[in-house]
Protein backbone atom coordinates (compact mmCIF):
# COMPACT_ATOMS: atom_id res chain seq x y z
CA MET A 1 0.00 0.00 0.00
CA GLU A 2 2.88 2.36 0.85
CA GLN A 3 4.44 1.61 -2.56
CA ASN A 4 1.15 2.39 -4.29
CA LEU A 5 0.96 5.66 -2.34
CA GLU A 6 4.50 6.58 -3.39
CA ASN A 7 3.74 5.83 -7.07
CA LEU A 8 0.50 7.87 -7.09
CA HIS A 9 2.20 10.83 -5.39
CA LYS A 10 5.23 10.69 -7.72
CA THR A 11 2.99 10.65 -10.82
CA GLY A 12 0.98 13.61 -9.47
CA GLN A 13 4.20 15.53 -8.81
CA GLU A 14 5.47 14.89 -12.33
CA LEU A 15 2.17 16.08 -13.88
CA ARG A 16 1.47 19.14 -11.71
CA GLU A 17 3.36 21.48 -14.09
CA THR A 18 2.63 19.83 -17.46
CA ASN A 19 -0.92 18.54 -16.90
CA PRO A 20 -2.28 19.87 -13.60
CA SER A 21 -5.84 18.64 -14.25
CA GLU A 22 -4.65 15.05 -14.54
CA ALA A 23 -2.22 15.59 -11.64
CA MET A 24 -5.19 16.47 -9.44
CA LEU A 25 -6.72 13.01 -9.99
CA TYR A 26 -3.54 11.22 -8.92
CA LEU A 27 -2.94 13.54 -5.97
CA GLU A 28 -6.49 13.11 -4.68
CA ARG A 29 -6.10 9.31 -4.74
CA ALA A 30 -2.69 9.58 -3.08
CA PHE A 31 -4.08 11.84 -0.33
CA ASN A 32 -6.94 9.44 0.46
CA LEU A 33 -4.50 6.53 0.59
CA ALA A 34 -2.13 8.50 2.87
CA ARG A 35 -5.03 9.11 5.25
CA THR A 36 -5.89 5.41 5.24
CA VAL A 37 -2.35 4.37 6.21
CA LYS A 38 -2.04 7.39 8.58
CA ASN A 39 1.06 8.79 6.87
CA ASN A 40 0.92 12.45 7.94
CA GLU A 41 4.25 13.38 6.32
CA ALA A 42 2.92 12.22 2.95
CA GLU A 43 -0.38 14.09 3.49
CA VAL A 44 1.48 17.40 3.93
CA GLU A 45 3.58 16.90 0.79
CA ILE A 46 0.53 15.87 -1.26
CA LEU A 47 -1.45 18.93 -0.11
CA PHE A 48 1.47 21.13 -1.19
CA ASP A 49 1.64 19.52 -4.64
CA SER A 50 -2.16 19.76 -4.94
CA GLY A 51 -1.99 23.48 -4.12
CA VAL A 52 0.68 23.99 -6.80
CA ALA A 53 -1.45 22.11 -9.38
CA LYS A 54 -4.47 24.29 -8.53
CA HIS A 55 -2.30 27.40 -8.80
CA ASN A 56 -1.28 26.27 -12.29
CA LEU A 57 -4.97 25.93 -13.11
CA SER A 58 -5.53 29.48 -11.76
CA LEU A 59 -7.79 28.05 -9.03
CA HIS A 60 -6.29 30.31 -6.43
CA THR A 61 -9.01 30.10 -3.77
CA GLU A 62 -8.87 26.29 -3.84
CA ALA A 63 -5.08 26.42 -3.71
CA ILE A 64 -5.31 28.62 -0.59
CA SER A 65 -7.43 25.94 1.08
CA ASP A 66 -4.85 23.21 0.35
CA PHE A 67 -1.88 25.28 1.51
CA LYS A 68 -3.65 26.27 4.75
CA LYS A 69 -4.53 22.64 5.47
CA ALA A 70 -0.87 21.71 4.97
CA LEU A 71 0.22 24.40 7.45
CA SER A 72 -1.97 22.86 10.17
CA TYR A 73 0.18 19.68 10.34
CA ARG A 74 2.69 19.42 13.20
CA GLU A 75 5.02 17.41 10.96
CA LEU A 76 6.04 20.67 9.24
CA CYS A 77 8.25 21.50 12.26
CA LYS A 78 10.65 18.83 10.97
CA ALA A 79 10.47 20.10 7.36
CA PRO A 80 11.38 23.85 7.38
CA HIS A 81 12.12 23.97 3.62
CA LEU A 82 8.66 22.61 2.80
CA LYS A 83 7.06 25.00 5.30
CA ALA A 84 8.85 27.99 3.72
CA ASN A 85 7.63 26.92 0.26
CA ILE A 86 4.02 26.50 1.44
CA LEU A 87 3.99 29.95 3.08
CA ARG A 88 5.38 31.61 -0.05
CA CYS A 89 2.96 29.80 -2.39
CA LEU A 90 0.09 30.81 -0.11
CA ALA A 91 1.22 34.43 -0.40
CA VAL A 92 1.22 34.12 -4.22
CA GLN A 93 -2.42 32.95 -4.18
CA TYR A 94 -3.44 35.99 -2.13
CA ILE A 95 -1.60 38.25 -4.60
CA ARG A 96 -3.59 36.71 -7.47
CA ASN A 97 -6.79 37.31 -5.48
CA ASN A 98 -5.72 40.91 -4.83
CA GLU A 99 -5.55 40.34 -1.03
CA ILE A 100 -2.23 42.10 -0.57
CA GLU A 101 -2.06 42.39 3.21
CA GLU A 102 -2.62 38.65 3.67
CA ALA A 103 0.03 38.00 1.02
CA ILE A 104 2.57 40.14 2.86
CA LYS A 105 1.91 38.35 6.16
CA TYR A 106 2.62 34.89 4.73
CA LEU A 107 5.49 36.11 2.57
CA TYR A 108 7.46 37.44 5.52
CA GLU A 109 6.69 34.31 7.55
CA SER A 110 8.21 32.37 4.64
CA GLU A 111 11.27 34.62 4.68
CA LYS A 112 11.71 34.15 8.45
CA VAL A 113 11.61 30.34 8.16
CA SER A 114 14.03 30.47 5.20
CA LEU A 115 16.51 32.61 7.15
CA GLU A 116 16.36 30.22 10.11
CA CYS A 117 17.11 27.14 7.99
CA GLY A 118 19.38 28.82 5.40
CA TYR A 119 17.02 28.19 2.46
CA GLU A 120 18.56 30.56 -0.13
CA GLU A 121 16.43 29.34 -3.05
CA ASN A 122 13.22 30.34 -1.28
CA LEU A 123 14.69 33.71 -0.25
CA HIS A 124 15.22 34.35 -3.97
CA MET A 125 11.56 33.58 -4.67
CA VAL A 126 10.40 35.73 -1.73
CA GLU A 127 12.22 38.78 -3.16
CA SER A 128 10.74 38.13 -6.60
CA THR A 129 7.24 37.74 -5.12
CA LEU A 130 7.63 41.05 -3.28
CA GLY A 131 8.41 42.51 -6.69
CA SER A 132 5.09 41.09 -7.95
CA ILE A 133 3.23 42.78 -5.08
CA TYR A 134 4.71 46.17 -5.91
CA ILE A 135 3.89 45.66 -9.61
CA GLN A 136 0.27 45.02 -8.67
CA LEU A 137 0.34 48.22 -6.61
CA LYS A 138 1.85 50.03 -9.63
CA MET A 139 4.95 50.89 -7.54
CA PHE A 140 7.37 49.79 -10.25
CA THR A 141 10.59 51.31 -8.85
CA LYS A 142 10.11 49.41 -5.59
CA ALA A 143 9.33 46.27 -7.56
CA LEU A 144 12.61 46.65 -9.48
CA GLU A 145 14.60 46.89 -6.23
CA HIS A 146 13.27 43.52 -5.04
CA GLU A 147 13.79 41.87 -8.42
CA GLN A 148 17.41 43.05 -8.40
CA ARG A 149 17.86 41.56 -4.91
CA SER A 150 16.48 38.27 -6.19
CA LEU A 151 19.10 38.35 -8.97
CA GLU A 152 21.91 38.83 -6.41
CA ILE A 153 20.77 35.68 -4.55
CA ALA A 154 20.39 33.71 -7.81
CA ARG A 155 23.91 34.65 -8.94
CA LYS A 156 25.30 33.76 -5.51
CA MET A 157 23.73 30.31 -5.87
CA ASN A 158 24.83 30.07 -9.53
CA ASP A 159 21.40 28.69 -10.50
CA GLU A 160 20.62 29.27 -14.19
CA GLN A 161 16.82 28.89 -13.88
CA MET A 162 16.69 31.28 -10.92
CA ILE A 163 18.85 33.80 -12.80
CA SER A 164 16.52 33.62 -15.83
CA TYR A 165 13.50 34.15 -13.56
CA SER A 166 15.13 37.25 -12.06
CA TYR A 167 15.98 38.58 -15.55
CA LEU A 168 12.29 38.18 -16.41
CA GLY A 169 11.23 40.11 -13.30
CA ILE A 170 13.72 42.93 -13.93
CA GLY A 171 12.76 43.11 -17.62
CA SER A 172 9.04 43.36 -16.85
CA CYS A 173 9.74 46.14 -14.30
CA TYR A 174 11.74 48.15 -16.85
CA TYR A 175 8.91 47.70 -19.36
CA LEU A 176 6.36 49.03 -16.86
CA LEU A 177 8.71 51.91 -15.99
CA GLY A 178 8.75 52.92 -19.68
CA ASP A 179 12.33 51.81 -20.40
CA PRO A 180 11.86 49.39 -23.34
CA VAL A 181 15.61 49.23 -24.15
CA SER A 182 16.59 47.88 -20.72
CA ALA A 183 13.44 45.73 -20.69
CA GLU A 184 14.36 44.10 -24.01
CA ASP A 185 17.95 43.51 -22.84
CA PHE A 186 16.92 41.60 -19.68
CA LEU A 187 14.05 39.72 -21.32
CA LEU A 188 16.33 38.48 -24.13
CA ARG A 189 18.81 37.32 -21.49
CA ALA A 190 15.97 35.42 -19.82
CA SER A 191 14.88 33.86 -23.12
CA VAL A 192 18.30 32.35 -23.92
CA GLY A 193 18.96 31.01 -20.41
CA SER A 194 17.64 27.88 -18.72
CA GLN A 195 13.93 28.46 -18.01
CA THR A 196 10.94 26.80 -16.42
CA LYS A 197 7.90 26.54 -18.71
CA TYR A 198 6.14 29.31 -16.74
CA THR A 199 9.14 31.65 -17.11
CA HIS A 200 9.27 30.80 -20.83
CA ALA A 201 5.58 31.71 -21.36
CA ASN A 202 5.88 34.91 -19.29
CA THR A 203 9.07 36.05 -21.05
CA SER A 204 7.56 35.41 -24.50
CA TYR A 205 4.49 37.50 -23.59
CA TYR A 206 6.56 40.53 -22.50
CA LEU A 207 8.86 40.32 -25.55
CA SER A 208 5.75 40.23 -27.74
CA LYS A 209 4.52 43.45 -26.07
CA ILE A 210 7.89 45.18 -26.52
CA TYR A 211 8.06 44.39 -30.26
CA PHE A 212 4.39 45.31 -30.64
CA ASP A 213 5.11 48.76 -29.17
CA LYS A 214 8.06 49.08 -31.61
CA LYS A 215 5.64 48.14 -34.41
CA GLU A 216 7.81 45.10 -35.23
CA TYR A 217 4.73 42.95 -35.67
CA GLU A 218 6.45 39.90 -37.13
CA SER A 219 8.73 39.54 -34.10
CA SER A 220 5.80 40.33 -31.81
CA ALA A 221 3.69 37.58 -33.41
CA LYS A 222 6.60 35.11 -33.17
CA TYR A 223 6.91 35.57 -29.41
CA ALA A 224 3.12 35.69 -28.83
CA LEU A 225 2.70 32.38 -30.66
CA GLU A 226 5.66 30.87 -28.80
CA GLY A 227 4.19 31.92 -25.46
CA TYR A 228 0.74 30.62 -26.44
CA ASN A 229 2.08 27.19 -27.51
CA VAL A 230 4.13 26.78 -24.31
CA SER A 231 1.07 27.77 -22.24
CA VAL A 232 -1.20 25.30 -24.06
CA GLU A 233 1.29 22.45 -23.67
CA ASN A 234 1.78 23.16 -19.97
CA HIS A 235 -1.75 24.33 -19.00
CA ILE A 236 -0.65 27.88 -18.08
CA TYR A 237 -4.07 29.46 -18.55
CA ASP A 238 -3.37 33.11 -17.72
CA TYR A 239 -0.55 33.39 -20.29
CA LYS A 240 -2.54 31.29 -22.75
CA ALA A 241 -5.21 34.03 -22.60
CA LEU A 242 -2.72 36.92 -22.64
CA CYS A 243 -0.69 35.57 -25.60
CA ARG A 244 -3.89 34.82 -27.55
CA GLY A 245 -4.98 38.38 -26.83
CA MET A 246 -1.61 39.66 -28.13
CA LEU A 247 -2.15 37.75 -31.39
CA GLY A 248 -5.52 39.51 -31.60
CA ALA A 249 -3.88 42.94 -31.04
CA ILE A 250 -1.25 42.17 -33.73
CA SER A 251 -3.96 41.12 -36.24
CA LEU A 252 -5.93 44.27 -35.43
CA ALA A 253 -2.85 46.45 -36.08
CA ALA A 254 -2.28 44.60 -39.37
CA GLY A 255 -5.87 45.28 -40.46
CA LYS A 256 -6.94 41.62 -40.16
CA TYR A 257 -10.09 42.50 -38.23
CA ASP A 258 -12.01 39.24 -38.40
CA GLU A 259 -8.92 37.28 -37.34
CA ALA A 260 -8.29 39.81 -34.54
CA ILE A 261 -11.86 39.46 -33.20
CA GLU A 262 -11.61 35.65 -33.34
CA TYR A 263 -8.36 35.67 -31.34
CA MET A 264 -9.81 38.10 -28.78
CA LEU A 265 -13.01 36.10 -28.27
CA GLU A 266 -10.90 32.96 -27.74
CA ALA A 267 -8.75 34.82 -25.21
CA ILE A 268 -11.85 36.13 -23.38
CA GLU A 269 -13.32 32.62 -23.25
CA ILE A 270 -10.10 31.34 -21.63
CA SER A 271 -9.94 34.27 -19.21
CA GLU A 272 -13.56 33.81 -18.03
CA SER A 273 -12.45 30.68 -16.15
CA LEU A 274 -9.74 32.65 -14.32
CA GLU A 275 -10.13 34.33 -10.97
CA ASN A 276 -7.88 37.19 -12.11
CA LYS A 277 -10.42 39.51 -13.77
CA ARG A 278 -7.80 42.11 -14.74
CA ILE A 279 -6.93 39.97 -17.76
CA TYR A 280 -10.62 39.73 -18.68
CA PHE A 281 -11.06 43.52 -18.43
CA ASN A 282 -8.04 44.36 -20.64
CA LEU A 283 -9.09 41.86 -23.32
CA TYR A 284 -12.60 43.34 -23.51
CA LYS A 285 -11.14 46.82 -24.03
CA ASP A 286 -9.24 45.55 -27.10
CA LEU A 287 -12.33 43.71 -28.39
CA ILE A 288 -14.45 46.87 -28.17
CA LYS A 289 -11.76 48.73 -30.10
CA ALA A 290 -11.92 46.05 -32.85
CA TYR A 291 -15.72 46.27 -33.06
CA ASP A 292 -15.47 50.05 -33.27
CA ILE A 293 -12.98 49.90 -36.19
CA THR A 294 -15.12 47.36 -38.08
CA GLY A 295 -18.33 49.32 -37.44
CA ASN A 296 -20.02 46.41 -35.66
CA TYR A 297 -21.83 48.69 -33.21
CA LYS A 298 -24.31 46.05 -32.07
CA ALA A 299 -21.51 43.71 -30.96
CA LYS A 300 -19.71 46.72 -29.48
CA SER A 301 -22.82 47.60 -27.45
CA GLU A 302 -23.15 44.02 -26.19
CA ALA A 303 -19.48 43.98 -25.27
CA TYR A 304 -19.89 47.27 -23.40
CA GLU A 305 -22.85 45.83 -21.53
CA LYS A 306 -20.79 42.80 -20.44
CA LEU A 307 -17.91 45.02 -19.52
CA TYR A 308 -19.99 47.55 -17.56
CA ASN A 309 -20.10 45.57 -14.29
CA TYR A 310 -16.40 44.76 -14.56
CA HIS A 311 -15.64 48.40 -15.40
CA THR A 312 -17.49 49.63 -12.30
CA GLU A 313 -15.69 47.04 -10.20
CA TYR A 314 -12.41 48.02 -11.84
CA LEU A 315 -12.84 51.72 -11.01
CA GLU A 316 -13.79 50.82 -7.45
CA ASN A 317 -10.71 48.61 -7.19
CA GLN A 318 -8.52 51.38 -8.58
CA SER A 319 -9.73 53.70 -5.79
CA LYS A 320 -9.14 51.00 -3.23
CA LEU A 321 -5.75 50.37 -4.77
CA LYS A 322 -4.64 53.95 -4.09
CA ILE A 323 -5.57 53.49 -0.42
CA LYS A 324 -3.97 50.06 -0.39
CA GLN A 325 -0.74 51.51 -1.79
CA LEU A 326 -0.40 53.60 1.36
CA ASN A 327 -1.52 50.86 3.77
CA THR A 328 0.45 48.13 2.05
CA GLU A 329 3.60 50.18 1.78
CA TYR A 330 3.41 50.72 5.55
CA HIS A 331 2.90 46.97 6.17
CA ILE A 332 5.68 46.03 3.77
CA GLU A 333 8.13 48.49 5.29
CA LYS A 334 7.20 47.31 8.79
CA ALA A 335 7.63 43.69 7.74
CA ASN A 336 10.89 44.62 6.00
CA ASP A 337 12.17 46.12 9.25
CA LEU A 338 11.28 42.95 11.16
CA ALA A 339 12.87 40.80 8.46
CA GLU A 340 16.02 42.94 8.56
CA ILE A 341 16.21 42.39 12.33
CA GLU A 342 15.96 38.62 11.70
CA ARG A 343 18.65 38.85 9.03
CA LEU A 344 20.96 40.77 11.38
CA LYS A 345 20.32 38.23 14.14
CA ASN A 346 21.30 35.44 11.77
CA VAL A 347 24.41 37.33 10.68
CA GLU A 348 25.36 37.85 14.34
CA LEU A 349 24.73 34.17 15.03
CA ARG A 350 26.87 33.09 12.07
CA ASN A 351 29.67 35.44 13.19
CA ALA A 352 29.43 34.13 16.74
CA LEU A 353 29.62 30.53 15.49
CA GLU A 354 32.65 31.38 13.35
CA ASN A 355 34.34 32.93 16.40
CA VAL A 356 33.50 29.86 18.49
CA ASN A 357 34.91 27.54 15.81
CA LYS A 358 38.05 29.67 15.60
CA LEU A 359 38.47 29.60 19.39
CA ASN A 360 37.88 25.84 19.43
CA LYS A 361 40.66 25.34 16.88
CA GLU A 362 42.98 27.54 18.94
CA LEU A 363 42.05 25.59 22.08
CA GLU A 364 42.72 22.29 20.30
CA ILE A 365 46.21 23.53 19.38
CA LEU A 366 46.86 24.77 22.94
CA ASN A 367 45.54 21.51 24.41
CA HIS A 368 47.81 19.50 22.12
CA GLU A 369 50.79 21.66 23.11
CA LYS A 370 49.84 21.25 26.79
CA ASN A 371 49.68 17.47 26.43
CA GLU A 372 53.04 17.39 24.68
CA PHE A 373 54.59 19.55 27.41
CA MET A 374 53.05 17.36 30.11
CA ALA A 375 54.36 14.18 28.49
CA ILE A 376 57.89 15.65 28.29
CA ALA A 377 57.79 17.03 31.84
CA VAL A 378 56.51 13.76 33.31
CA HIS A 379 59.10 11.75 31.41
CA ASP A 380 61.93 14.04 32.57
CA LEU A 381 60.74 13.86 36.21
CA LYS A 382 60.76 10.07 36.37
CA ASN A 383 64.54 9.60 36.16
CA PRO A 384 65.59 12.04 38.93
CA LEU A 385 62.79 10.71 41.16
CA GLN A 386 64.00 7.15 40.61
CA ASN A 387 67.52 8.28 41.61
CA ILE A 388 66.14 9.97 44.76
CA LEU A 389 64.21 6.81 45.65
CA SER A 390 67.23 4.54 45.14
CA THR A 391 69.49 6.90 47.14
CA SER A 392 67.04 7.12 50.06
CA ARG A 393 66.83 3.32 50.26
CA MET A 394 70.66 3.08 50.25
CA ILE A 395 70.80 5.66 53.07
CA LYS A 396 68.29 3.62 55.09
CA ARG A 397 70.24 0.38 54.58
CA SER A 398 73.49 2.06 55.68
CA SER A 399 71.97 3.98 58.61
CA GLY A 400 73.40 1.58 61.19
CA GLY A 401 70.07 1.63 63.03
CA ASN A 402 70.07 5.41 63.50
CA VAL A 403 66.39 6.19 64.16
CA GLU A 404 66.55 9.77 62.87
CA ILE A 405 68.23 8.71 59.59
CA ILE A 406 65.67 5.90 59.13
CA SER A 407 62.78 8.32 59.76
CA LEU A 408 64.16 10.85 57.28
CA SER A 409 64.79 8.22 54.60
CA ASP A 410 61.26 6.78 55.10
CA ASN A 411 59.84 10.27 54.61
CA ILE A 412 61.85 10.68 51.40
CA VAL A 413 60.54 7.33 50.12
CA GLN A 414 56.96 8.25 51.06
CA GLN A 415 57.13 11.64 49.30
CA THR A 416 58.83 10.10 46.25
CA ASP A 417 56.07 7.45 46.02
CA ARG A 418 53.55 10.28 46.16
CA MET A 419 55.30 11.99 43.25
CA PHE A 420 55.36 8.72 41.26
CA ASN A 421 51.65 8.34 41.91
CA LEU A 422 51.01 11.85 40.60
CA ILE A 423 53.12 11.11 37.50
CA ARG A 424 51.15 7.90 36.83
CA LYS A 425 47.88 9.85 37.14
CA LEU A 426 49.10 12.56 34.77
CA LEU A 427 50.24 9.98 32.24
CA ASP A 428 46.94 8.07 32.47
CA HIS A 429 44.96 11.28 31.98
CA ASN A 430 47.13 12.45 29.11
CA ILE A 431 46.77 9.14 27.25
CA ALA A 432 42.99 8.99 27.85
CA GLU A 433 42.42 12.59 26.75
CA GLU A 434 44.37 12.17 23.52
CA GLY A 435 42.49 8.96 22.70
CA ARG A 436 45.73 6.98 22.37
CA ILE A 437 44.46 4.02 24.40
CA LYS A 438 43.90 0.92 22.29
CA ILE A 439 40.99 -1.23 23.37
CA LYS A 440 42.00 -4.88 23.88
CA LYS A 441 38.96 -6.96 24.62
CA SER A 442 39.15 -10.32 26.38
CA GLU A 443 36.69 -12.62 28.13
CA PHE A 444 37.04 -13.14 31.89
CA LYS A 445 34.95 -13.96 34.95
CA ALA A 446 33.20 -10.79 36.04
CA GLU A 447 34.02 -11.27 39.76
CA SER A 448 37.76 -11.98 39.19
CA ILE A 449 38.55 -8.31 38.62
CA CYS A 450 36.95 -7.40 41.97
CA ARG A 451 39.16 -9.89 43.83
CA ASP A 452 42.27 -8.51 42.07
CA VAL A 453 41.39 -4.93 43.06
CA MET A 454 40.73 -5.98 46.69
CA ASN A 455 44.07 -7.78 46.90
CA ASP A 456 45.90 -4.72 45.57
CA TYR A 457 44.23 -2.35 48.06
CA LYS A 458 44.09 -4.68 51.08
CA GLU A 459 47.25 -3.21 52.66
CA ALA A 460 46.18 0.42 52.06
CA ALA A 461 42.80 -0.32 53.70
CA GLU A 462 44.40 -2.04 56.70
CA ARG A 463 46.66 0.98 57.35
CA LYS A 464 43.45 2.99 58.03
CA ARG A 465 41.70 0.05 59.80
CA LEU A 466 39.12 -0.07 56.99
CA LYS A 467 37.33 -3.29 56.11
CA LEU A 468 36.87 -4.20 52.43
CA ASN A 469 33.68 -6.24 51.90
CA PHE A 470 32.83 -8.04 48.64
CA THR A 471 29.39 -9.39 47.73
CA ASN A 472 28.99 -11.36 44.49
CA PHE A 473 25.51 -11.90 43.01
CA CYS A 474 26.61 -13.37 39.68
CA ASN A 475 28.98 -16.28 40.20
CA GLY A 476 30.58 -17.66 37.04
CA HIS A 477 29.23 -15.03 34.64
CA SER A 478 31.68 -13.89 31.97
CA LEU A 479 32.33 -10.37 30.74
CA ASN A 480 33.91 -9.40 27.40
CA THR A 481 35.68 -6.04 27.58
CA ASP A 482 39.12 -4.47 28.13
CA TYR A 483 40.26 -5.92 31.46
CA GLU A 484 43.02 -3.37 32.11
CA ILE A 485 40.77 -0.35 31.54
CA LEU A 486 37.97 -1.72 33.75
CA TYR A 487 40.58 -2.63 36.39
CA GLN A 488 41.95 0.95 36.32
CA ILE A 489 38.43 2.39 36.71
CA LEU A 490 37.68 0.21 39.76
CA CYS A 491 41.13 0.93 41.25
CA ASN A 492 40.51 4.68 41.03
CA LEU A 493 37.11 4.31 42.72
CA VAL A 494 38.38 2.06 45.54
CA SER A 495 41.45 4.28 46.05
CA ASN A 496 39.14 7.29 46.30
CA ALA A 497 36.89 5.49 48.84
CA ILE A 498 39.92 4.55 51.02
CA LYS A 499 41.38 8.07 50.81
CA PHE A 500 38.19 9.83 51.98
CA SER A 501 36.93 7.27 54.52
CA PRO A 502 37.58 7.79 58.27
CA GLN A 503 39.24 4.99 60.24
CA ASP A 504 37.27 1.92 61.40
CA LYS A 505 34.69 2.16 58.59
CA ASN A 506 33.56 -0.22 55.84
CA ILE A 507 33.95 -0.13 52.08
CA TYR A 508 31.48 -2.34 50.22
CA ILE A 509 32.22 -3.74 46.75
CA SER A 510 29.37 -5.61 45.10
CA LEU A 511 28.71 -7.16 41.70
CA ASN A 512 25.29 -7.78 40.18
CA SER A 513 23.95 -8.55 36.72
CA GLU A 514 20.62 -8.19 34.96
CA ASN A 515 19.64 -8.85 31.32
CA GLY A 516 23.25 -9.08 30.16
CA THR A 517 24.38 -5.93 32.00
CA PHE A 518 26.86 -5.94 34.92
CA TYR A 519 26.79 -3.47 37.81
CA TYR A 520 30.01 -2.90 39.79
CA GLU A 521 29.18 -0.92 42.93
CA ILE A 522 31.70 0.74 45.31
CA ARG A 523 30.05 2.22 48.42
CA ASP A 524 31.81 3.92 51.35
CA GLU A 525 30.89 5.46 54.72
CA GLY A 526 32.84 8.66 54.16
CA PRO A 527 31.66 12.29 54.09
CA GLY A 528 29.85 11.95 50.75
CA PHE A 529 29.49 14.74 48.20
CA SER A 530 27.52 17.99 48.38
CA GLU A 531 25.34 19.05 45.41
CA GLU A 532 27.99 21.60 44.47
CA ASP A 533 30.68 18.88 44.54
CA GLN A 534 28.59 16.59 42.37
CA ASP A 535 28.34 19.30 39.66
CA ARG A 536 32.14 19.33 39.19
CA ILE A 537 33.21 15.91 40.43
CA TYR A 538 34.47 14.69 37.03
CA ARG A 539 36.32 17.87 36.14
CA LYS A 540 40.10 17.72 35.96
CA PHE A 541 42.00 18.95 39.04
CA SER A 542 38.76 19.67 40.92
CA LYS A 543 39.23 20.40 44.63
CA LEU A 544 36.12 19.27 46.49
CA SER A 545 34.83 20.18 49.94
CA ALA A 546 35.77 16.77 51.44
CA GLN A 547 39.43 16.20 52.30
CA PRO A 548 41.47 12.96 52.64
CA THR A 549 41.17 11.75 56.24
CA MET A 550 44.87 10.96 56.88
CA GLY A 551 46.54 13.71 54.92
CA GLU A 552 46.83 11.70 51.69
CA SER A 553 47.57 13.63 48.54
CA SER A 554 44.75 14.28 46.07
CA THR A 555 45.46 15.33 42.49
CA GLY A 556 41.84 15.82 41.46
CA LEU A 557 42.41 13.51 38.49
CA GLY A 558 41.24 10.08 39.70
CA LEU A 559 37.52 10.48 39.05
CA ALA A 560 38.12 12.45 35.81
CA ILE A 561 40.26 9.54 34.55
CA ALA A 562 37.63 6.97 35.67
CA LYS A 563 34.92 8.86 33.76
CA LYS A 564 37.04 9.16 30.61
CA LEU A 565 38.05 5.49 30.70
CA SER A 566 34.41 4.44 31.23
CA SER A 567 33.39 6.16 28.00
CA LEU A 568 36.17 4.31 26.12
CA ILE A 569 34.64 0.89 26.94
CA ASN A 570 31.00 2.09 26.66
CA ALA A 571 30.48 1.85 30.41
CA ASP A 572 28.31 4.26 32.37
CA LEU A 573 29.73 5.72 35.61
CA LYS A 574 27.08 7.00 38.05
CA LEU A 575 27.20 8.54 41.51
CA GLU A 576 24.61 8.50 44.29
CA SER A 577 25.52 10.55 47.35
CA THR A 578 24.23 12.83 50.05
CA ALA A 579 26.58 15.06 52.03
CA GLY A 580 27.42 13.31 55.33
CA SER A 581 26.07 9.89 54.25
CA GLY A 582 28.84 8.37 52.14
CA ALA A 583 29.03 7.83 48.39
CA CYS A 584 28.10 5.03 46.01
CA PHE A 585 29.70 4.78 42.55
CA THR A 586 28.24 2.32 40.03
CA VAL A 587 29.98 1.16 36.85
CA GLN A 588 27.34 -0.18 34.44
CA ILE A 589 28.67 -2.22 31.51
CA SER A 590 27.17 -4.60 28.98
CA SER A 591 28.42 -8.21 28.93
CA ASN A 592 29.38 -7.74 25.24
């Protein structure tokens, strides 16, 4: 059923430009099927394509209904490009219905969405559509400004079809401004570039008008016929009527009155099905002129009678248009200001992101240099420390039982061991942070690693009279991971528990498993962690509120290393603690 839906929708999409009437049949079936299978994403896309097909049929009110339905779907939040297109196409329908303020509202919503998602192609169309609004308001200089902006975007994107569309818009503005030389230049550029069928029909119509005004009727007829044929083939009804009307005007100028009247009546018949009555009105004016030249006053009278209602409506609309020019210009400028704010915000955001990326690169370089320095420093410290350790042991052996010498040498050994421990921690952290640790998986008994850790820390626990307790709930279960890394994680956690536990307390190590996941738990009876401590516990070199209970050294690296190592073997390290009630660390790791 889903495949059938996809095929119906695809066929409708392919036909919406070339045969919109047939496309409607496929799209209606696809929409009903999408509803049956509850595919909301498909419903939105089909409604959009249906709206476009109805636009191509000049059924603008019906197209509005489809586009508004599409906007009501929540799925559009995940498809900003589609949403931007729907909003712009909705604005175009309102322009065709002469509802300018509604058009502006949806047009700037479309621009806002496009800016947010970086949809340059739609921004190009928004500028061009704003040009169309100003043309309708007879504010041709303003229209030209927007068409020129659309050309800038098209050139930036290096899109031939978009460039041709902008040339068309600029050419039509120059024609309406009374500059036929510039108009011809841009329209000819549009005609030789890559064009959509709609752009082709529109360009041909305007070139026909230019050559008609120059009284070059042969060239005018060539372009009018070209525009008419493209419109017929692709069901572009408004330009089918306009180009047929141009052929009528050319025949009238050539003295072929009967042919002229025939063309004009055909054009009027086509235009009667359109919602845009401006085309209808202009065609009737030419027809009346033809009847007047031929002396057919009866037909002229009938034509005047038909035109009367439209003429009254036209004059009323012209008066309203003057008022709308003022109101709409205010709304457009207000919307332009808001859009400019959005554009500036996006520019600021892009600049901020560029600065962040630049700083990140600088930090990466500094971090790499820091790691290199640390590796060199640690390496260079090891040899002199080893010499100090060896010398202190020789002094102790040759002390002859002198208590003071033995005490001093023991202190040297203790402090040197502390330095070695710090070096090991720095090396471990450096290797983990640079990602130089190679994972070596092996299979072993899950509890064996706990016994190894307890044996290694038995002496350290006894020095503080701490009792290590181990509870095993999964005897014999095997784990497949990097033994050394897991061992290092558990060592860091047990070492931390010993360091911060008061004397005569317990440390509990337990192992459990459930659904193929192992849980290593290390719980102590120490001071625990405050909420503030827990926010920064895994940060490098963090100094927390709790202090080691027997003056042990604390680098602030142990837990940071444990966290980093956990991520390397896909383990999850969690902490549960309340200040004054001990801490419980859990290492959660899958058996595979």
